[in-house]
Amino acid sequence: QMLGHLAEGKYVMAVAGTHGKTTTS
């Protein structure tokens, strides 16, 4: 929830996935 608040007003580039997301983001 807090991360969602901090993302408001930003150009959000979100990386999701059950693996690979940490290196990719």
PDBML (XML) file of the C-alpha atoms, coordinates in Angstrom:
<?xml version="1.0" encoding="UTF-8" ?>
<PDBx:datablock datablockName="MODEL"
   xmlns:PDBx="http://pdbml.pdb.org/schema/pdbx-v50.xsd"
   xmlns:xsi="http://www.w3.org/2001/XMLSchema-instance"
   xsi:schemaLocation="http://pdbml.pdb.org/schema/pdbx-v50.xsd pdbx-v50.xsd">
   <PDBx:atom_siteCategory>
      <PDBx:atom_site id="1">
         <PDBx:B_iso_or_equiv>0.00</PDBx:B_iso_or_equiv>
         <PDBx:Cartn_x>0.000</PDBx:Cartn_x>
         <PDBx:Cartn_y>0.000</PDBx:Cartn_y>
         <PDBx:Cartn_z>0.000</PDBx:Cartn_z>
         <PDBx:auth_asym_id>A</PDBx:auth_asym_id>
         <PDBx:auth_atom_id>CA</PDBx:auth_atom_id>
         <PDBx:auth_comp_id>GLN</PDBx:auth_comp_id>
         <PDBx:auth_seq_id>1</PDBx:auth_seq_id>
         <PDBx:group_PDB>ATOM</PDBx:group_PDB>
         <PDBx:label_alt_id xsi:nil="true" />
         <PDBx:label_asym_id>A</PDBx:label_asym_id>
         <PDBx:label_atom_id>CA</PDBx:label_atom_id>
         <PDBx:label_comp_id>GLN</PDBx:label_comp_id>
         <PDBx:label_entity_id>1</PDBx:label_entity_id>
         <PDBx:label_seq_id>1</PDBx:label_seq_id>
         <PDBx:occupancy>1.00</PDBx:occupancy>
         <PDBx:pdbx_PDB_model_num>1</PDBx:pdbx_PDB_model_num>
         <PDBx:type_symbol>C</PDBx:type_symbol>
      </PDBx:atom_site>
      <PDBx:atom_site id="2">
         <PDBx:B_iso_or_equiv>0.00</PDBx:B_iso_or_equiv>
         <PDBx:Cartn_x>2.758</PDBx:Cartn_x>
         <PDBx:Cartn_y>2.415</PDBx:Cartn_y>
         <PDBx:Cartn_z>0.924</PDBx:Cartn_z>
         <PDBx:auth_asym_id>A</PDBx:auth_asym_id>
         <PDBx:auth_atom_id>CA</PDBx:auth_atom_id>
         <PDBx:auth_comp_id>MET</PDBx:auth_comp_id>
         <PDBx:auth_seq_id>2</PDBx:auth_seq_id>
         <PDBx:group_PDB>ATOM</PDBx:group_PDB>
         <PDBx:label_alt_id xsi:nil="true" />
         <PDBx:label_asym_id>A</PDBx:label_asym_id>
         <PDBx:label_atom_id>CA</PDBx:label_atom_id>
         <PDBx:label_comp_id>MET</PDBx:label_comp_id>
         <PDBx:label_entity_id>1</PDBx:label_entity_id>
         <PDBx:label_seq_id>2</PDBx:label_seq_id>
         <PDBx:occupancy>1.00</PDBx:occupancy>
         <PDBx:pdbx_PDB_model_num>1</PDBx:pdbx_PDB_model_num>
         <PDBx:type_symbol>C</PDBx:type_symbol>
      </PDBx:atom_site>
      <PDBx:atom_site id="3">
         <PDBx:B_iso_or_equiv>0.00</PDBx:B_iso_or_equiv>
         <PDBx:Cartn_x>4.662</PDBx:Cartn_x>
         <PDBx:Cartn_y>1.638</PDBx:Cartn_y>
         <PDBx:Cartn_z>-2.268</PDBx:Cartn_z>
         <PDBx:auth_asym_id>A</PDBx:auth_asym_id>
         <PDBx:auth_atom_id>CA</PDBx:auth_atom_id>
         <PDBx:auth_comp_id>LEU</PDBx:auth_comp_id>
         <PDBx:auth_seq_id>3</PDBx:auth_seq_id>
         <PDBx:group_PDB>ATOM</PDBx:group_PDB>
         <PDBx:label_alt_id xsi:nil="true" />
         <PDBx:label_asym_id>A</PDBx:label_asym_id>
         <PDBx:label_atom_id>CA</PDBx:label_atom_id>
         <PDBx:label_comp_id>LEU</PDBx:label_comp_id>
         <PDBx:label_entity_id>1</PDBx:label_entity_id>
         <PDBx:label_seq_id>3</PDBx:label_seq_id>
         <PDBx:occupancy>1.00</PDBx:occupancy>
         <PDBx:pdbx_PDB_model_num>1</PDBx:pdbx_PDB_model_num>
         <PDBx:type_symbol>C</PDBx:type_symbol>
      </PDBx:atom_site>
      <PDBx:atom_site id="4">
         <PDBx:B_iso_or_equiv>0.00</PDBx:B_iso_or_equiv>
         <PDBx:Cartn_x>1.470</PDBx:Cartn_x>
         <PDBx:Cartn_y>2.347</PDBx:Cartn_y>
         <PDBx:Cartn_z>-4.213</PDBx:Cartn_z>
         <PDBx:auth_asym_id>A</PDBx:auth_asym_id>
         <PDBx:auth_atom_id>CA</PDBx:auth_atom_id>
         <PDBx:auth_comp_id>GLY</PDBx:auth_comp_id>
         <PDBx:auth_seq_id>4</PDBx:auth_seq_id>
         <PDBx:group_PDB>ATOM</PDBx:group_PDB>
         <PDBx:label_alt_id xsi:nil="true" />
         <PDBx:label_asym_id>A</PDBx:label_asym_id>
         <PDBx:label_atom_id>CA</PDBx:label_atom_id>
         <PDBx:label_comp_id>GLY</PDBx:label_comp_id>
         <PDBx:label_entity_id>1</PDBx:label_entity_id>
         <PDBx:label_seq_id>4</PDBx:label_seq_id>
         <PDBx:occupancy>1.00</PDBx:occupancy>
         <PDBx:pdbx_PDB_model_num>1</PDBx:pdbx_PDB_model_num>
         <PDBx:type_symbol>C</PDBx:type_symbol>
      </PDBx:atom_site>
      <PDBx:atom_site id="5">
         <PDBx:B_iso_or_equiv>0.00</PDBx:B_iso_or_equiv>
         <PDBx:Cartn_x>1.191</PDBx:Cartn_x>
         <PDBx:Cartn_y>5.774</PDBx:Cartn_y>
         <PDBx:Cartn_z>-2.558</PDBx:Cartn_z>
         <PDBx:auth_asym_id>A</PDBx:auth_asym_id>
         <PDBx:auth_atom_id>CA</PDBx:auth_atom_id>
         <PDBx:auth_comp_id>HIS</PDBx:auth_comp_id>
         <PDBx:auth_seq_id>5</PDBx:auth_seq_id>
         <PDBx:group_PDB>ATOM</PDBx:group_PDB>
         <PDBx:label_alt_id xsi:nil="true" />
         <PDBx:label_asym_id>A</PDBx:label_asym_id>
         <PDBx:label_atom_id>CA</PDBx:label_atom_id>
         <PDBx:label_comp_id>HIS</PDBx:label_comp_id>
         <PDBx:label_entity_id>1</PDBx:label_entity_id>
         <PDBx:label_seq_id>5</PDBx:label_seq_id>
         <PDBx:occupancy>1.00</PDBx:occupancy>
         <PDBx:pdbx_PDB_model_num>1</PDBx:pdbx_PDB_model_num>
         <PDBx:type_symbol>C</PDBx:type_symbol>
      </PDBx:atom_site>
      <PDBx:atom_site id="6">
         <PDBx:B_iso_or_equiv>0.00</PDBx:B_iso_or_equiv>
         <PDBx:Cartn_x>4.800</PDBx:Cartn_x>
         <PDBx:Cartn_y>6.622</PDBx:Cartn_y>
         <PDBx:Cartn_z>-3.374</PDBx:Cartn_z>
         <PDBx:auth_asym_id>A</PDBx:auth_asym_id>
         <PDBx:auth_atom_id>CA</PDBx:auth_atom_id>
         <PDBx:auth_comp_id>LEU</PDBx:auth_comp_id>
         <PDBx:auth_seq_id>6</PDBx:auth_seq_id>
         <PDBx:group_PDB>ATOM</PDBx:group_PDB>
         <PDBx:label_alt_id xsi:nil="true" />
         <PDBx:label_asym_id>A</PDBx:label_asym_id>
         <PDBx:label_atom_id>CA</PDBx:label_atom_id>
         <PDBx:label_comp_id>LEU</PDBx:label_comp_id>
         <PDBx:label_entity_id>1</PDBx:label_entity_id>
         <PDBx:label_seq_id>6</PDBx:label_seq_id>
         <PDBx:occupancy>1.00</PDBx:occupancy>
         <PDBx:pdbx_PDB_model_num>1</PDBx:pdbx_PDB_model_num>
         <PDBx:type_symbol>C</PDBx:type_symbol>
      </PDBx:atom_site>
      <PDBx:atom_site id="7">
         <PDBx:B_iso_or_equiv>0.00</PDBx:B_iso_or_equiv>
         <PDBx:Cartn_x>4.272</PDBx:Cartn_x>
         <PDBx:Cartn_y>5.607</PDBx:Cartn_y>
         <PDBx:Cartn_z>-7.004</PDBx:Cartn_z>
         <PDBx:auth_asym_id>A</PDBx:auth_asym_id>
         <PDBx:auth_atom_id>CA</PDBx:auth_atom_id>
         <PDBx:auth_comp_id>ALA</PDBx:auth_comp_id>
         <PDBx:auth_seq_id>7</PDBx:auth_seq_id>
         <PDBx:group_PDB>ATOM</PDBx:group_PDB>
         <PDBx:label_alt_id xsi:nil="true" />
         <PDBx:label_asym_id>A</PDBx:label_asym_id>
         <PDBx:label_atom_id>CA</PDBx:label_atom_id>
         <PDBx:label_comp_id>ALA</PDBx:label_comp_id>
         <PDBx:label_entity_id>1</PDBx:label_entity_id>
         <PDBx:label_seq_id>7</PDBx:label_seq_id>
         <PDBx:occupancy>1.00</PDBx:occupancy>
         <PDBx:pdbx_PDB_model_num>1</PDBx:pdbx_PDB_model_num>
         <PDBx:type_symbol>C</PDBx:type_symbol>
      </PDBx:atom_site>
      <PDBx:atom_site id="8">
         <PDBx:B_iso_or_equiv>0.00</PDBx:B_iso_or_equiv>
         <PDBx:Cartn_x>1.479</PDBx:Cartn_x>
         <PDBx:Cartn_y>8.144</PDBx:Cartn_y>
         <PDBx:Cartn_z>-7.503</PDBx:Cartn_z>
         <PDBx:auth_asym_id>A</PDBx:auth_asym_id>
         <PDBx:auth_atom_id>CA</PDBx:auth_atom_id>
         <PDBx:auth_comp_id>GLU</PDBx:auth_comp_id>
         <PDBx:auth_seq_id>8</PDBx:auth_seq_id>
         <PDBx:group_PDB>ATOM</PDBx:group_PDB>
         <PDBx:label_alt_id xsi:nil="true" />
         <PDBx:label_asym_id>A</PDBx:label_asym_id>
         <PDBx:label_atom_id>CA</PDBx:label_atom_id>
         <PDBx:label_comp_id>GLU</PDBx:label_comp_id>
         <PDBx:label_entity_id>1</PDBx:label_entity_id>
         <PDBx:label_seq_id>8</PDBx:label_seq_id>
         <PDBx:occupancy>1.00</PDBx:occupancy>
         <PDBx:pdbx_PDB_model_num>1</PDBx:pdbx_PDB_model_num>
         <PDBx:type_symbol>C</PDBx:type_symbol>
      </PDBx:atom_site>
      <PDBx:atom_site id="9">
         <PDBx:B_iso_or_equiv>0.00</PDBx:B_iso_or_equiv>
         <PDBx:Cartn_x>2.462</PDBx:Cartn_x>
         <PDBx:Cartn_y>10.842</PDBx:Cartn_y>
         <PDBx:Cartn_z>-9.993</PDBx:Cartn_z>
         <PDBx:auth_asym_id>A</PDBx:auth_asym_id>
         <PDBx:auth_atom_id>CA</PDBx:auth_atom_id>
         <PDBx:auth_comp_id>GLY</PDBx:auth_comp_id>
         <PDBx:auth_seq_id>9</PDBx:auth_seq_id>
         <PDBx:group_PDB>ATOM</PDBx:group_PDB>
         <PDBx:label_alt_id xsi:nil="true" />
         <PDBx:label_asym_id>A</PDBx:label_asym_id>
         <PDBx:label_atom_id>CA</PDBx:label_atom_id>
         <PDBx:label_comp_id>GLY</PDBx:label_comp_id>
         <PDBx:label_entity_id>1</PDBx:label_entity_id>
         <PDBx:label_seq_id>9</PDBx:label_seq_id>
         <PDBx:occupancy>1.00</PDBx:occupancy>
         <PDBx:pdbx_PDB_model_num>1</PDBx:pdbx_PDB_model_num>
         <PDBx:type_symbol>C</PDBx:type_symbol>
      </PDBx:atom_site>
      <PDBx:atom_site id="10">
         <PDBx:B_iso_or_equiv>0.00</PDBx:B_iso_or_equiv>
         <PDBx:Cartn_x>5.392</PDBx:Cartn_x>
         <PDBx:Cartn_y>8.802</PDBx:Cartn_y>
         <PDBx:Cartn_z>-11.320</PDBx:Cartn_z>
         <PDBx:auth_asym_id>A</PDBx:auth_asym_id>
         <PDBx:auth_atom_id>CA</PDBx:auth_atom_id>
         <PDBx:auth_comp_id>LYS</PDBx:auth_comp_id>
         <PDBx:auth_seq_id>10</PDBx:auth_seq_id>
         <PDBx:group_PDB>ATOM</PDBx:group_PDB>
         <PDBx:label_alt_id xsi:nil="true" />
         <PDBx:label_asym_id>A</PDBx:label_asym_id>
         <PDBx:label_atom_id>CA</PDBx:label_atom_id>
         <PDBx:label_comp_id>LYS</PDBx:label_comp_id>
         <PDBx:label_entity_id>1</PDBx:label_entity_id>
         <PDBx:label_seq_id>10</PDBx:label_seq_id>
         <PDBx:occupancy>1.00</PDBx:occupancy>
         <PDBx:pdbx_PDB_model_num>1</PDBx:pdbx_PDB_model_num>
         <PDBx:type_symbol>C</PDBx:type_symbol>
      </PDBx:atom_site>
      <PDBx:atom_site id="11">
         <PDBx:B_iso_or_equiv>0.00</PDBx:B_iso_or_equiv>
         <PDBx:Cartn_x>5.983</PDBx:Cartn_x>
         <PDBx:Cartn_y>7.040</PDBx:Cartn_y>
         <PDBx:Cartn_z>-14.644</PDBx:Cartn_z>
         <PDBx:auth_asym_id>A</PDBx:auth_asym_id>
         <PDBx:auth_atom_id>CA</PDBx:auth_atom_id>
         <PDBx:auth_comp_id>TYR</PDBx:auth_comp_id>
         <PDBx:auth_seq_id>11</PDBx:auth_seq_id>
         <PDBx:group_PDB>ATOM</PDBx:group_PDB>
         <PDBx:label_alt_id xsi:nil="true" />
         <PDBx:label_asym_id>A</PDBx:label_asym_id>
         <PDBx:label_atom_id>CA</PDBx:label_atom_id>
         <PDBx:label_comp_id>TYR</PDBx:label_comp_id>
         <PDBx:label_entity_id>1</PDBx:label_entity_id>
         <PDBx:label_seq_id>11</PDBx:label_seq_id>
         <PDBx:occupancy>1.00</PDBx:occupancy>
         <PDBx:pdbx_PDB_model_num>1</PDBx:pdbx_PDB_model_num>
         <PDBx:type_symbol>C</PDBx:type_symbol>
      </PDBx:atom_site>
      <PDBx:atom_site id="12">
         <PDBx:B_iso_or_equiv>0.00</PDBx:B_iso_or_equiv>
         <PDBx:Cartn_x>5.917</PDBx:Cartn_x>
         <PDBx:Cartn_y>3.549</PDBx:Cartn_y>
         <PDBx:Cartn_z>-13.141</PDBx:Cartn_z>
         <PDBx:auth_asym_id>A</PDBx:auth_asym_id>
         <PDBx:auth_atom_id>CA</PDBx:auth_atom_id>
         <PDBx:auth_comp_id>VAL</PDBx:auth_comp_id>
         <PDBx:auth_seq_id>12</PDBx:auth_seq_id>
         <PDBx:group_PDB>ATOM</PDBx:group_PDB>
         <PDBx:label_alt_id xsi:nil="true" />
         <PDBx:label_asym_id>A</PDBx:label_asym_id>
         <PDBx:label_atom_id>CA</PDBx:label_atom_id>
         <PDBx:label_comp_id>VAL</PDBx:label_comp_id>
         <PDBx:label_entity_id>1</PDBx:label_entity_id>
         <PDBx:label_seq_id>12</PDBx:label_seq_id>
         <PDBx:occupancy>1.00</PDBx:occupancy>
         <PDBx:pdbx_PDB_model_num>1</PDBx:pdbx_PDB_model_num>
         <PDBx:type_symbol>C</PDBx:type_symbol>
      </PDBx:atom_site>
      <PDBx:atom_site id="13">
         <PDBx:B_iso_or_equiv>0.00</PDBx:B_iso_or_equiv>
         <PDBx:Cartn_x>8.006</PDBx:Cartn_x>
         <PDBx:Cartn_y>0.772</PDBx:Cartn_y>
         <PDBx:Cartn_z>-14.702</PDBx:Cartn_z>
         <PDBx:auth_asym_id>A</PDBx:auth_asym_id>
         <PDBx:auth_atom_id>CA</PDBx:auth_atom_id>
         <PDBx:auth_comp_id>MET</PDBx:auth_comp_id>
         <PDBx:auth_seq_id>13</PDBx:auth_seq_id>
         <PDBx:group_PDB>ATOM</PDBx:group_PDB>
         <PDBx:label_alt_id xsi:nil="true" />
         <PDBx:label_asym_id>A</PDBx:label_asym_id>
         <PDBx:label_atom_id>CA</PDBx:label_atom_id>
         <PDBx:label_comp_id>MET</PDBx:label_comp_id>
         <PDBx:label_entity_id>1</PDBx:label_entity_id>
         <PDBx:label_seq_id>13</PDBx:label_seq_id>
         <PDBx:occupancy>1.00</PDBx:occupancy>
         <PDBx:pdbx_PDB_model_num>1</PDBx:pdbx_PDB_model_num>
         <PDBx:type_symbol>C</PDBx:type_symbol>
      </PDBx:atom_site>
      <PDBx:atom_site id="14">
         <PDBx:B_iso_or_equiv>0.00</PDBx:B_iso_or_equiv>
         <PDBx:Cartn_x>7.010</PDBx:Cartn_x>
         <PDBx:Cartn_y>-2.365</PDBx:Cartn_y>
         <PDBx:Cartn_z>-12.805</PDBx:Cartn_z>
         <PDBx:auth_asym_id>A</PDBx:auth_asym_id>
         <PDBx:auth_atom_id>CA</PDBx:auth_atom_id>
         <PDBx:auth_comp_id>ALA</PDBx:auth_comp_id>
         <PDBx:auth_seq_id>14</PDBx:auth_seq_id>
         <PDBx:group_PDB>ATOM</PDBx:group_PDB>
         <PDBx:label_alt_id xsi:nil="true" />
         <PDBx:label_asym_id>A</PDBx:label_asym_id>
         <PDBx:label_atom_id>CA</PDBx:label_atom_id>
         <PDBx:label_comp_id>ALA</PDBx:label_comp_id>
         <PDBx:label_entity_id>1</PDBx:label_entity_id>
         <PDBx:label_seq_id>14</PDBx:label_seq_id>
         <PDBx:occupancy>1.00</PDBx:occupancy>
         <PDBx:pdbx_PDB_model_num>1</PDBx:pdbx_PDB_model_num>
         <PDBx:type_symbol>C</PDBx:type_symbol>
      </PDBx:atom_site>
      <PDBx:atom_site id="15">
         <PDBx:B_iso_or_equiv>0.00</PDBx:B_iso_or_equiv>
         <PDBx:Cartn_x>8.646</PDBx:Cartn_x>
         <PDBx:Cartn_y>-5.768</PDBx:Cartn_y>
         <PDBx:Cartn_z>-13.216</PDBx:Cartn_z>
         <PDBx:auth_asym_id>A</PDBx:auth_asym_id>
         <PDBx:auth_atom_id>CA</PDBx:auth_atom_id>
         <PDBx:auth_comp_id>VAL</PDBx:auth_comp_id>
         <PDBx:auth_seq_id>15</PDBx:auth_seq_id>
         <PDBx:group_PDB>ATOM</PDBx:group_PDB>
         <PDBx:label_alt_id xsi:nil="true" />
         <PDBx:label_asym_id>A</PDBx:label_asym_id>
         <PDBx:label_atom_id>CA</PDBx:label_atom_id>
         <PDBx:label_comp_id>VAL</PDBx:label_comp_id>
         <PDBx:label_entity_id>1</PDBx:label_entity_id>
         <PDBx:label_seq_id>15</PDBx:label_seq_id>
         <PDBx:occupancy>1.00</PDBx:occupancy>
         <PDBx:pdbx_PDB_model_num>1</PDBx:pdbx_PDB_model_num>
         <PDBx:type_symbol>C</PDBx:type_symbol>
      </PDBx:atom_site>
      <PDBx:atom_site id="16">
         <PDBx:B_iso_or_equiv>0.00</PDBx:B_iso_or_equiv>
         <PDBx:Cartn_x>6.617</PDBx:Cartn_x>
         <PDBx:Cartn_y>-8.790</PDBx:Cartn_y>
         <PDBx:Cartn_z>-12.103</PDBx:Cartn_z>
         <PDBx:auth_asym_id>A</PDBx:auth_asym_id>
         <PDBx:auth_atom_id>CA</PDBx:auth_atom_id>
         <PDBx:auth_comp_id>ALA</PDBx:auth_comp_id>
         <PDBx:auth_seq_id>16</PDBx:auth_seq_id>
         <PDBx:group_PDB>ATOM</PDBx:group_PDB>
         <PDBx:label_alt_id xsi:nil="true" />
         <PDBx:label_asym_id>A</PDBx:label_asym_id>
         <PDBx:label_atom_id>CA</PDBx:label_atom_id>
         <PDBx:label_comp_id>ALA</PDBx:label_comp_id>
         <PDBx:label_entity_id>1</PDBx:label_entity_id>
         <PDBx:label_seq_id>16</PDBx:label_seq_id>
         <PDBx:occupancy>1.00</PDBx:occupancy>
         <PDBx:pdbx_PDB_model_num>1</PDBx:pdbx_PDB_model_num>
         <PDBx:type_symbol>C</PDBx:type_symbol>
      </PDBx:atom_site>
      <PDBx:atom_site id="17">
         <PDBx:B_iso_or_equiv>0.00</PDBx:B_iso_or_equiv>
         <PDBx:Cartn_x>7.205</PDBx:Cartn_x>
         <PDBx:Cartn_y>-12.524</PDBx:Cartn_y>
         <PDBx:Cartn_z>-12.303</PDBx:Cartn_z>
         <PDBx:auth_asym_id>A</PDBx:auth_asym_id>
         <PDBx:auth_atom_id>CA</PDBx:auth_atom_id>
         <PDBx:auth_comp_id>GLY</PDBx:auth_comp_id>
         <PDBx:auth_seq_id>17</PDBx:auth_seq_id>
         <PDBx:group_PDB>ATOM</PDBx:group_PDB>
         <PDBx:label_alt_id xsi:nil="true" />
         <PDBx:label_asym_id>A</PDBx:label_asym_id>
         <PDBx:label_atom_id>CA</PDBx:label_atom_id>
         <PDBx:label_comp_id>GLY</PDBx:label_comp_id>
         <PDBx:label_entity_id>1</PDBx:label_entity_id>
         <PDBx:label_seq_id>17</PDBx:label_seq_id>
         <PDBx:occupancy>1.00</PDBx:occupancy>
         <PDBx:pdbx_PDB_model_num>1</PDBx:pdbx_PDB_model_num>
         <PDBx:type_symbol>C</PDBx:type_symbol>
      </PDBx:atom_site>
      <PDBx:atom_site id="18">
         <PDBx:B_iso_or_equiv>0.00</PDBx:B_iso_or_equiv>
         <PDBx:Cartn_x>7.734</PDBx:Cartn_x>
         <PDBx:Cartn_y>-15.584</PDBx:Cartn_y>
         <PDBx:Cartn_z>-10.174</PDBx:Cartn_z>
         <PDBx:auth_asym_id>A</PDBx:auth_asym_id>
         <PDBx:auth_atom_id>CA</PDBx:auth_atom_id>
         <PDBx:auth_comp_id>THR</PDBx:auth_comp_id>
         <PDBx:auth_seq_id>18</PDBx:auth_seq_id>
         <PDBx:group_PDB>ATOM</PDBx:group_PDB>
         <PDBx:label_alt_id xsi:nil="true" />
         <PDBx:label_asym_id>A</PDBx:label_asym_id>
         <PDBx:label_atom_id>CA</PDBx:label_atom_id>
         <PDBx:label_comp_id>THR</PDBx:label_comp_id>
         <PDBx:label_entity_id>1</PDBx:label_entity_id>
         <PDBx:label_seq_id>18</PDBx:label_seq_id>
         <PDBx:occupancy>1.00</PDBx:occupancy>
         <PDBx:pdbx_PDB_model_num>1</PDBx:pdbx_PDB_model_num>
         <PDBx:type_symbol>C</PDBx:type_symbol>
      </PDBx:atom_site>
      <PDBx:atom_site id="19">
         <PDBx:B_iso_or_equiv>0.00</PDBx:B_iso_or_equiv>
         <PDBx:Cartn_x>11.437</PDBx:Cartn_x>
         <PDBx:Cartn_y>-15.401</PDBx:Cartn_y>
         <PDBx:Cartn_z>-11.062</PDBx:Cartn_z>
         <PDBx:auth_asym_id>A</PDBx:auth_asym_id>
         <PDBx:auth_atom_id>CA</PDBx:auth_atom_id>
         <PDBx:auth_comp_id>HIS</PDBx:auth_comp_id>
         <PDBx:auth_seq_id>19</PDBx:auth_seq_id>
         <PDBx:group_PDB>ATOM</PDBx:group_PDB>
         <PDBx:label_alt_id xsi:nil="true" />
         <PDBx:label_asym_id>A</PDBx:label_asym_id>
         <PDBx:label_atom_id>CA</PDBx:label_atom_id>
         <PDBx:label_comp_id>HIS</PDBx:label_comp_id>
         <PDBx:label_entity_id>1</PDBx:label_entity_id>
         <PDBx:label_seq_id>19</PDBx:label_seq_id>
         <PDBx:occupancy>1.00</PDBx:occupancy>
         <PDBx:pdbx_PDB_model_num>1</PDBx:pdbx_PDB_model_num>
         <PDBx:type_symbol>C</PDBx:type_symbol>
      </PDBx:atom_site>
      <PDBx:atom_site id="20">
         <PDBx:B_iso_or_equiv>0.00</PDBx:B_iso_or_equiv>
         <PDBx:Cartn_x>13.762</PDBx:Cartn_x>
         <PDBx:Cartn_y>-12.989</PDBx:Cartn_y>
         <PDBx:Cartn_z>-12.849</PDBx:Cartn_z>
         <PDBx:auth_asym_id>A</PDBx:auth_asym_id>
         <PDBx:auth_atom_id>CA</PDBx:auth_atom_id>
         <PDBx:auth_comp_id>GLY</PDBx:auth_comp_id>
         <PDBx:auth_seq_id>20</PDBx:auth_seq_id>
         <PDBx:group_PDB>ATOM</PDBx:group_PDB>
         <PDBx:label_alt_id xsi:nil="true" />
         <PDBx:label_asym_id>A</PDBx:label_asym_id>
         <PDBx:label_atom_id>CA</PDBx:label_atom_id>
         <PDBx:label_comp_id>GLY</PDBx:label_comp_id>
         <PDBx:label_entity_id>1</PDBx:label_entity_id>
         <PDBx:label_seq_id>20</PDBx:label_seq_id>
         <PDBx:occupancy>1.00</PDBx:occupancy>
         <PDBx:pdbx_PDB_model_num>1</PDBx:pdbx_PDB_model_num>
         <PDBx:type_symbol>C</PDBx:type_symbol>
      </PDBx:atom_site>
      <PDBx:atom_site id="21">
         <PDBx:B_iso_or_equiv>0.00</PDBx:B_iso_or_equiv>
         <PDBx:Cartn_x>12.152</PDBx:Cartn_x>
         <PDBx:Cartn_y>-9.812</PDBx:Cartn_y>
         <PDBx:Cartn_z>-11.539</PDBx:Cartn_z>
         <PDBx:auth_asym_id>A</PDBx:auth_asym_id>
         <PDBx:auth_atom_id>CA</PDBx:auth_atom_id>
         <PDBx:auth_comp_id>LYS</PDBx:auth_comp_id>
         <PDBx:auth_seq_id>21</PDBx:auth_seq_id>
         <PDBx:group_PDB>ATOM</PDBx:group_PDB>
         <PDBx:label_alt_id xsi:nil="true" />
         <PDBx:label_asym_id>A</PDBx:label_asym_id>
         <PDBx:label_atom_id>CA</PDBx:label_atom_id>
         <PDBx:label_comp_id>LYS</PDBx:label_comp_id>
         <PDBx:label_entity_id>1</PDBx:label_entity_id>
         <PDBx:label_seq_id>21</PDBx:label_seq_id>
         <PDBx:occupancy>1.00</PDBx:occupancy>
         <PDBx:pdbx_PDB_model_num>1</PDBx:pdbx_PDB_model_num>
         <PDBx:type_symbol>C</PDBx:type_symbol>
      </PDBx:atom_site>
      <PDBx:atom_site id="22">
         <PDBx:B_iso_or_equiv>0.00</PDBx:B_iso_or_equiv>
         <PDBx:Cartn_x>14.933</PDBx:Cartn_x>
         <PDBx:Cartn_y>-8.615</PDBx:Cartn_y>
         <PDBx:Cartn_z>-9.213</PDBx:Cartn_z>
         <PDBx:auth_asym_id>A</PDBx:auth_asym_id>
         <PDBx:auth_atom_id>CA</PDBx:auth_atom_id>
         <PDBx:auth_comp_id>THR</PDBx:auth_comp_id>
         <PDBx:auth_seq_id>22</PDBx:auth_seq_id>
         <PDBx:group_PDB>ATOM</PDBx:group_PDB>
         <PDBx:label_alt_id xsi:nil="true" />
         <PDBx:label_asym_id>A</PDBx:label_asym_id>
         <PDBx:label_atom_id>CA</PDBx:label_atom_id>
         <PDBx:label_comp_id>THR</PDBx:label_comp_id>
         <PDBx:label_entity_id>1</PDBx:label_entity_id>
         <PDBx:label_seq_id>22</PDBx:label_seq_id>
         <PDBx:occupancy>1.00</PDBx:occupancy>
         <PDBx:pdbx_PDB_model_num>1</PDBx:pdbx_PDB_model_num>
         <PDBx:type_symbol>C</PDBx:type_symbol>
      </PDBx:atom_site>
      <PDBx:atom_site id="23">
         <PDBx:B_iso_or_equiv>0.00</PDBx:B_iso_or_equiv>
         <PDBx:Cartn_x>17.726</PDBx:Cartn_x>
         <PDBx:Cartn_y>-8.613</PDBx:Cartn_y>
         <PDBx:Cartn_z>-11.801</PDBx:Cartn_z>
         <PDBx:auth_asym_id>A</PDBx:auth_asym_id>
         <PDBx:auth_atom_id>CA</PDBx:auth_atom_id>
         <PDBx:auth_comp_id>THR</PDBx:auth_comp_id>
         <PDBx:auth_seq_id>23</PDBx:auth_seq_id>
         <PDBx:group_PDB>ATOM</PDBx:group_PDB>
         <PDBx:label_alt_id xsi:nil="true" />
         <PDBx:label_asym_id>A</PDBx:label_asym_id>
         <PDBx:label_atom_id>CA</PDBx:label_atom_id>
         <PDBx:label_comp_id>THR</PDBx:label_comp_id>
         <PDBx:label_entity_id>1</PDBx:label_entity_id>
         <PDBx:label_seq_id>23</PDBx:label_seq_id>
         <PDBx:occupancy>1.00</PDBx:occupancy>
         <PDBx:pdbx_PDB_model_num>1</PDBx:pdbx_PDB_model_num>
         <PDBx:type_symbol>C</PDBx:type_symbol>
      </PDBx:atom_site>
      <PDBx:atom_site id="24">
         <PDBx:B_iso_or_equiv>0.00</PDBx:B_iso_or_equiv>
         <PDBx:Cartn_x>15.407</PDBx:Cartn_x>
         <PDBx:Cartn_y>-7.232</PDBx:Cartn_y>
         <PDBx:Cartn_z>-14.477</PDBx:Cartn_z>
         <PDBx:auth_asym_id>A</PDBx:auth_asym_id>
         <PDBx:auth_atom_id>CA</PDBx:auth_atom_id>
         <PDBx:auth_comp_id>THR</PDBx:auth_comp_id>
         <PDBx:auth_seq_id>24</PDBx:auth_seq_id>
         <PDBx:group_PDB>ATOM</PDBx:group_PDB>
         <PDBx:label_alt_id xsi:nil="true" />
         <PDBx:label_asym_id>A</PDBx:label_asym_id>
         <PDBx:label_atom_id>CA</PDBx:label_atom_id>
         <PDBx:label_comp_id>THR</PDBx:label_comp_id>
         <PDBx:label_entity_id>1</PDBx:label_entity_id>
         <PDBx:label_seq_id>24</PDBx:label_seq_id>
         <PDBx:occupancy>1.00</PDBx:occupancy>
         <PDBx:pdbx_PDB_model_num>1</PDBx:pdbx_PDB_model_num>
         <PDBx:type_symbol>C</PDBx:type_symbol>
      </PDBx:atom_site>
      <PDBx:atom_site id="25">
         <PDBx:B_iso_or_equiv>0.00</PDBx:B_iso_or_equiv>
         <PDBx:Cartn_x>14.037</PDBx:Cartn_x>
         <PDBx:Cartn_y>-4.353</PDBx:Cartn_y>
         <PDBx:Cartn_z>-12.366</PDBx:Cartn_z>
         <PDBx:auth_asym_id>A</PDBx:auth_asym_id>
         <PDBx:auth_atom_id>CA</PDBx:auth_atom_id>
         <PDBx:auth_comp_id>SER</PDBx:auth_comp_id>
         <PDBx:auth_seq_id>25</PDBx:auth_seq_id>
         <PDBx:group_PDB>ATOM</PDBx:group_PDB>
         <PDBx:label_alt_id xsi:nil="true" />
         <PDBx:label_asym_id>A</PDBx:label_asym_id>
         <PDBx:label_atom_id>CA</PDBx:label_atom_id>
         <PDBx:label_comp_id>SER</PDBx:label_comp_id>
         <PDBx:label_entity_id>1</PDBx:label_entity_id>
         <PDBx:label_seq_id>25</PDBx:label_seq_id>
         <PDBx:occupancy>1.00</PDBx:occupancy>
         <PDBx:pdbx_PDB_model_num>1</PDBx:pdbx_PDB_model_num>
         <PDBx:type_symbol>C</PDBx:type_symbol>
      </PDBx:atom_site>
   </PDBx:atom_siteCategory>
</PDBx:datablock>
